Amino acid sequence: MAPMRRCNAVMYSIPDTGLLYFNVKINDGYVVGMIDTGASHSFISDVVGDQVGLKLIQGGSSMKAVNTAPIP
């Protein structure tokens, strides 16, 4: 029953791409998020993180995008 209720949270989709967007509450702020069921990680920009009061902490892993050097 709970997953059915959550489906009603979808705000809109873009027909050409089929991407689904919805409101996400982070701390006391709201941002628009995209549903990507195949993603292994989630990302948020520095600007949006600052707007909703997230603090950046040092992690122990690195990230590598296509055709780039790894970023610690």
Protein backbone atom coordinates (compact mmCIF):
# COMPACT_ATOMS: atom_id res chain seq x y z
CA MET A 1 0.00 0.00 0.00
CA ALA A 2 2.77 2.50 0.83
CA PRO A 3 4.45 2.32 -2.62
CA MET A 4 1.11 3.14 -4.26
CA ARG A 5 0.76 6.28 -2.15
CA ARG A 6 4.27 7.38 -3.05
CA CYS A 7 3.42 7.21 -6.78
CA ASN A 8 1.07 10.15 -6.27
CA ALA A 9 4.09 12.32 -5.36
CA VAL A 10 5.30 12.51 -8.99
CA MET A 11 4.98 16.12 -10.08
CA TYR A 12 5.58 15.79 -13.80
CA SER A 13 7.50 13.92 -16.45
CA ILE A 14 9.20 14.99 -19.65
CA PRO A 15 7.52 13.04 -22.49
CA ASP A 16 10.53 12.91 -24.84
CA THR A 17 12.81 11.45 -22.18
CA GLY A 18 10.38 9.73 -19.79
CA LEU A 19 12.18 11.23 -16.79
CA LEU A 20 10.11 11.63 -13.61
CA TYR A 21 10.55 14.58 -11.25
CA PHE A 22 9.17 15.10 -7.74
CA ASN A 23 9.53 17.35 -4.66
CA VAL A 24 12.20 16.24 -2.20
CA LYS A 25 12.34 17.60 1.34
CA ILE A 26 15.88 18.05 2.67
CA ASN A 27 16.07 19.51 6.18
CA ASP A 28 13.60 22.43 6.05
CA GLY A 29 13.84 23.05 2.31
CA TYR A 30 12.38 21.51 -0.83
CA VAL A 31 14.14 20.81 -4.13
CA VAL A 32 13.02 19.08 -7.32
CA GLY A 33 14.54 15.61 -7.70
CA MET A 34 14.68 13.15 -10.58
CA ILE A 35 13.86 9.46 -10.20
CA ASP A 36 16.58 7.24 -11.66
CA THR A 37 15.93 3.64 -10.68
CA GLY A 38 19.14 2.42 -12.32
CA ALA A 39 21.53 4.82 -10.58
CA SER A 40 24.09 3.46 -8.16
CA HIS A 41 24.74 6.88 -6.57
CA SER A 42 22.84 10.12 -5.96
CA PHE A 43 24.34 13.58 -6.42
CA ILE A 44 23.43 17.10 -5.41
CA SER A 45 25.10 20.34 -6.48
CA ASP A 46 27.09 22.49 -4.05
CA VAL A 47 24.63 25.35 -4.57
CA VAL A 48 21.55 23.25 -3.72
CA GLY A 49 23.37 21.64 -0.79
CA ASP A 50 24.11 25.10 0.63
CA GLN A 51 20.50 26.21 0.10
CA VAL A 52 19.12 23.32 2.16
CA GLY A 53 21.83 23.46 4.83
CA LEU A 54 23.88 20.35 4.02
CA LYS A 55 27.48 20.23 5.21
CA LEU A 56 30.23 18.77 3.04
CA ILE A 57 32.39 16.15 4.75
CA GLN A 58 35.52 14.36 3.53
CA GLY A 59 34.77 10.84 2.30
CA GLY A 60 37.05 7.88 1.84
CA SER A 61 36.25 7.09 -1.79
CA SER A 62 36.86 8.58 -5.21
CA MET A 63 34.74 9.18 -8.28
CA LYS A 64 35.66 8.77 -11.95
CA ALA A 65 33.56 10.10 -14.80
CA VAL A 66 34.00 8.98 -18.40
CA ASN A 67 37.22 10.23 -20.03
CA THR A 68 38.49 11.95 -16.86
CA ALA A 69 40.99 11.26 -14.10
CA PRO A 70 39.65 9.99 -10.74
CA ILE A 71 38.70 12.72 -8.26
CA PRO A 72 39.40 11.88 -4.59
